């Protein structure tokens, strides 16, 4: 029944109330995302070392084998340039991976990555040894992984990143979740995020405008 005073029924008001609530939630979500992003930038600002997993991060996680049983991997050239920029602007780079592959060895050499740890199931030992070798504290290091084997380093380093296809256990603990897929520019995205945090991204871009 209509209200004789023209005030409208409760049902008339509910769409507006729902819209207002949705807008408030959206604004709150945006504020949380901004706060989370600011925290991630602060963590990335102090990095001296960035460590990457390989499969699912530098590649899309697909394993290819030749007829002779050789393991083949496809790497992204944009990722490679991102790693080179990190090194150029003072952030050391390392790879720690559970698998062993000649392709990874060649890729690391091509990118000038001196710190390569392959065949490492429990990555904590390699991580501790690397920090000791470089004389760095955990908060000065970052790590990017994509699966449960990476949780020990994700929860120990100063800046943790992952890919959008990672298990929720990683994404909920990472400081930054890339929008780009592993093997398709996720590493480059994280490299640029770190450079941005350290005030070097514009310099890296300007260097190509000379």
Protein backbone atom coordinates (compact mmCIF):
# COMPACT_ATOMS: atom_id res chain seq x y z
CA UNK A 1 0.00 0.00 0.00
CA UNK A 2 1.22 3.50 -0.82
CA UNK A 3 1.92 5.88 2.03
CA UNK A 4 -0.78 8.60 1.92
CA UNK A 5 1.80 11.15 2.99
CA UNK A 6 3.96 10.36 -0.02
CA UNK A 7 6.87 9.21 2.02
CA UNK A 8 7.26 6.02 0.01
CA UNK A 9 7.51 2.45 1.23
CA UNK A 10 10.63 0.94 2.81
CA UNK A 11 11.14 -0.95 -0.45
CA UNK A 12 11.32 2.36 -2.34
CA UNK A 13 14.24 3.49 -0.18
CA UNK A 14 16.20 0.21 -0.15
CA UNK A 15 17.87 0.63 -3.59
CA UNK A 16 19.25 4.02 -2.52
CA UNK A 17 20.38 2.63 0.84
CA UNK A 18 22.04 -0.30 -0.93
CA UNK A 19 23.79 2.05 -3.35
CA UNK A 20 25.04 4.25 -0.51
CA UNK A 21 26.33 1.19 1.35
CA UNK A 22 28.05 -0.10 -1.78
CA UNK A 23 29.74 3.25 -2.39
CA UNK A 24 30.93 3.40 1.22
CA UNK A 25 32.33 -0.13 0.95
CA UNK A 26 34.02 0.75 -2.34
CA UNK A 27 35.61 3.86 -0.80
CA UNK A 28 36.75 1.82 2.19
CA UNK A 29 38.20 -0.85 -0.09
CA UNK A 30 40.05 1.82 -2.10
CA UNK A 31 41.49 3.28 1.10
CA UNK A 32 42.66 -0.17 2.23
CA UNK A 33 44.23 -0.85 -1.15
CA UNK A 34 46.03 2.50 -1.04
CA UNK A 35 47.26 1.85 2.50
CA UNK A 36 48.45 -1.62 1.47
CA UNK A 37 50.21 -0.19 -1.60
CA UNK A 38 51.92 2.49 0.48
CA UNK A 39 53.16 -0.16 2.92
CA UNK A 40 54.51 -2.23 0.03
CA UNK A 41 56.32 0.80 -1.43
CA UNK A 42 57.88 1.52 1.97
CA UNK A 43 59.13 -2.06 2.22
CA UNK A 44 60.49 -2.05 -1.34
CA UNK A 45 62.30 1.25 -0.78
CA UNK A 46 64.99 -0.31 1.40
CA UNK A 47 65.75 -3.37 -0.74
CA UNK A 48 69.35 -4.24 -1.56
CA UNK A 49 68.60 -7.73 -2.84
CA UNK A 50 65.69 -9.20 -4.83
CA UNK A 51 65.38 -12.97 -5.13
CA UNK A 52 63.19 -14.71 -7.70
CA UNK A 53 61.85 -18.22 -8.00
CA UNK A 54 61.92 -19.49 -11.59
CA UNK A 55 59.04 -21.80 -12.54
CA UNK A 56 55.75 -19.92 -12.41
CA UNK A 57 57.51 -16.59 -11.86
CA UNK A 58 60.11 -16.16 -14.59
CA UNK A 59 58.19 -18.72 -16.67
CA UNK A 60 54.49 -19.56 -16.92
CA UNK A 61 55.13 -22.78 -15.02
CA UNK A 62 54.80 -25.06 -18.04
CA UNK A 63 57.55 -27.69 -18.32
CA UNK A 64 58.74 -28.60 -21.80
CA UNK A 65 60.90 -31.64 -22.59
CA UNK A 66 62.81 -32.38 -25.77
CA UNK A 67 62.88 -35.89 -27.28
CA UNK A 68 66.23 -36.37 -25.51
CA UNK A 69 64.70 -35.53 -22.14
CA UNK A 70 66.17 -32.02 -21.90
CA UNK A 71 64.07 -29.57 -19.93
CA UNK A 72 63.20 -26.48 -21.95
CA UNK A 73 61.89 -23.18 -20.61
CA UNK A 74 60.52 -20.01 -22.19
CA UNK A 75 61.63 -16.72 -20.62
CA UNK A 76 60.23 -13.23 -21.12
CA UNK A 77 62.55 -10.56 -22.57
CA UNK A 78 60.72 -7.76 -20.69
CA UNK A 79 61.40 -9.58 -17.43
CA UNK A 80 65.05 -9.79 -18.37
CA UNK A 81 65.31 -6.07 -18.96
CA UNK A 82 63.59 -5.40 -15.64
CA UNK A 83 66.21 -7.51 -13.85
CA UNK A 84 69.00 -5.67 -15.65
CA UNK A 85 67.51 -2.33 -14.55
CA UNK A 86 67.37 -3.50 -10.94
CA UNK A 87 71.04 -4.43 -11.05
CA UNK A 88 71.93 -1.17 -12.79
CA UNK A 89 70.33 0.86 -10.00
CA UNK A 90 71.96 -0.98 -7.14
CA UNK A 91 69.66 -3.89 -6.28
CA UNK A 92 71.43 -7.26 -6.40
CA UNK A 93 69.48 -10.16 -7.94
CA UNK A 94 69.48 -13.87 -7.10
CA UNK A 95 67.55 -16.96 -8.22
CA UNK A 96 66.54 -19.79 -5.88
CA UNK A 97 64.66 -22.66 -7.50
CA UNK A 98 63.68 -26.20 -6.52
CA UNK A 99 64.39 -27.59 -9.99
CA UNK A 100 67.71 -27.92 -11.82
CA UNK A 101 67.93 -26.88 -15.45
CA UNK A 102 70.68 -25.98 -17.87
CA UNK A 103 68.27 -23.44 -19.37
CA UNK A 104 68.11 -21.55 -16.05
CA UNK A 105 71.90 -21.59 -15.80
CA UNK A 106 72.18 -20.07 -19.26
CA UNK A 107 69.48 -17.46 -18.55
CA UNK A 108 71.19 -16.42 -15.31
CA UNK A 109 74.50 -16.03 -17.14
CA UNK A 110 72.81 -14.02 -19.89
CA UNK A 111 71.38 -11.60 -17.32
CA UNK A 112 74.56 -11.37 -15.27
CA UNK A 113 72.99 -13.05 -12.22
CA UNK A 114 75.87 -14.40 -10.16
CA UNK A 115 73.78 -15.80 -7.30
CA UNK A 116 72.04 -18.92 -8.62
CA UNK A 117 70.78 -21.74 -6.37
CA UNK A 118 69.22 -24.71 -8.17
CA UNK A 119 67.80 -27.97 -6.85
CA UNK A 120 66.87 -26.34 -3.53
CA UNK A 121 63.71 -27.87 -2.03
CA UNK A 122 64.12 -26.18 1.36
CA UNK A 123 65.04 -22.63 0.41
CA UNK A 124 65.76 -21.39 3.94
CA UNK A 125 69.38 -22.55 3.93
CA UNK A 126 70.23 -20.92 0.60
CA UNK A 127 68.49 -17.74 1.71
CA UNK A 128 70.42 -17.55 4.99
CA UNK A 129 73.71 -18.26 3.21
CA UNK A 130 72.99 -15.56 0.63
CA UNK A 131 72.19 -12.93 3.27
CA UNK A 132 75.37 -13.82 5.17
CA UNK A 133 77.47 -13.65 2.00
CA UNK A 134 76.15 -10.20 1.10
CA UNK A 135 76.06 -8.92 4.68
CA UNK A 136 72.37 -8.04 4.51
CA UNK A 137 69.51 -8.18 6.99
CA UNK A 138 66.28 -9.97 6.06
CA UNK A 139 64.39 -6.67 5.77
CA UNK A 140 66.82 -5.57 3.04
CA UNK A 141 65.84 -8.55 0.89
CA UNK A 142 62.82 -9.27 -1.27
CA UNK A 143 61.48 -12.52 -2.65
CA UNK A 144 59.01 -13.42 -5.40
CA UNK A 145 57.55 -16.92 -5.53
CA UNK A 146 54.40 -18.67 -6.69
CA UNK A 147 53.81 -21.82 -4.65
CA UNK A 148 53.82 -23.32 -1.16
CA UNK A 149 57.55 -24.13 -1.26
CA UNK A 150 58.08 -20.36 -1.29
CA UNK A 151 56.21 -19.67 1.96
CA UNK A 152 59.33 -19.83 4.19
CA UNK A 153 60.97 -16.99 2.25
CA UNK A 154 57.73 -15.08 1.63
CA UNK A 155 57.31 -14.84 5.41
CA UNK A 156 60.96 -14.03 6.19
CA UNK A 157 61.95 -11.35 3.69
CA UNK A 158 61.34 -7.62 3.90
CA UNK A 159 59.31 -7.41 0.68
CA UNK A 160 57.31 -10.37 -0.63
CA UNK A 161 55.73 -10.56 -4.07
CA UNK A 162 53.77 -13.20 -5.92
CA UNK A 163 51.71 -13.81 -9.06
CA UNK A 164 47.91 -13.74 -9.45
CA UNK A 165 47.71 -17.52 -9.97
CA UNK A 166 49.50 -18.32 -6.69
CA UNK A 167 47.63 -20.15 -3.90
CA UNK A 168 45.72 -17.93 -1.51
CA UNK A 169 48.19 -18.87 1.25
CA UNK A 170 50.85 -16.93 -0.64
CA UNK A 171 48.68 -14.07 -1.85
CA UNK A 172 47.38 -13.36 1.64
CA UNK A 173 50.94 -13.10 2.97
CA UNK A 174 52.57 -11.22 0.09
CA UNK A 175 53.02 -7.45 0.22
CA UNK A 176 52.47 -7.16 -3.54
CA UNK A 177 50.51 -9.38 -5.94
CA UNK A 178 51.40 -8.73 -9.56
CA UNK A 179 48.58 -8.17 -12.00
CA UNK A 180 50.60 -9.81 -14.79
CA UNK A 181 51.00 -13.58 -15.05
CA UNK A 182 54.26 -15.39 -14.38
CA UNK A 183 56.36 -15.66 -17.53
CA UNK A 184 54.38 -12.84 -19.14
CA UNK A 185 55.82 -9.77 -17.44
CA UNK A 186 55.16 -10.35 -13.71
CA UNK A 187 58.87 -10.04 -12.91
CA UNK A 188 59.13 -6.82 -14.92
CA UNK A 189 56.12 -5.40 -13.07
CA UNK A 190 57.74 -6.12 -9.70
CA UNK A 191 61.11 -4.75 -10.85
CA UNK A 192 59.46 -1.49 -11.89
CA UNK A 193 57.55 -1.37 -8.59
CA UNK A 194 60.85 -1.60 -6.68
CA UNK A 195 62.50 1.02 -8.87
CA UNK A 196 59.51 3.30 -8.35
CA UNK A 197 59.75 2.83 -4.58
CA UNK A 198 63.44 3.75 -4.69
CA UNK A 199 62.93 6.79 -6.91
CA UNK A 200 64.84 5.26 -9.82
CA UNK A 201 62.09 4.36 -12.29
CA UNK A 202 61.95 7.75 -13.99
CA UNK A 203 65.74 7.78 -14.25
CA UNK A 204 65.66 4.33 -15.82
CA UNK A 205 63.08 5.53 -18.37
CA UNK A 206 64.89 8.81 -19.05
CA UNK A 207 68.10 6.93 -19.78
CA UNK A 208 66.42 5.62 -22.95
CA UNK A 209 65.40 9.12 -24.06
CA UNK A 210 68.94 10.49 -24.29
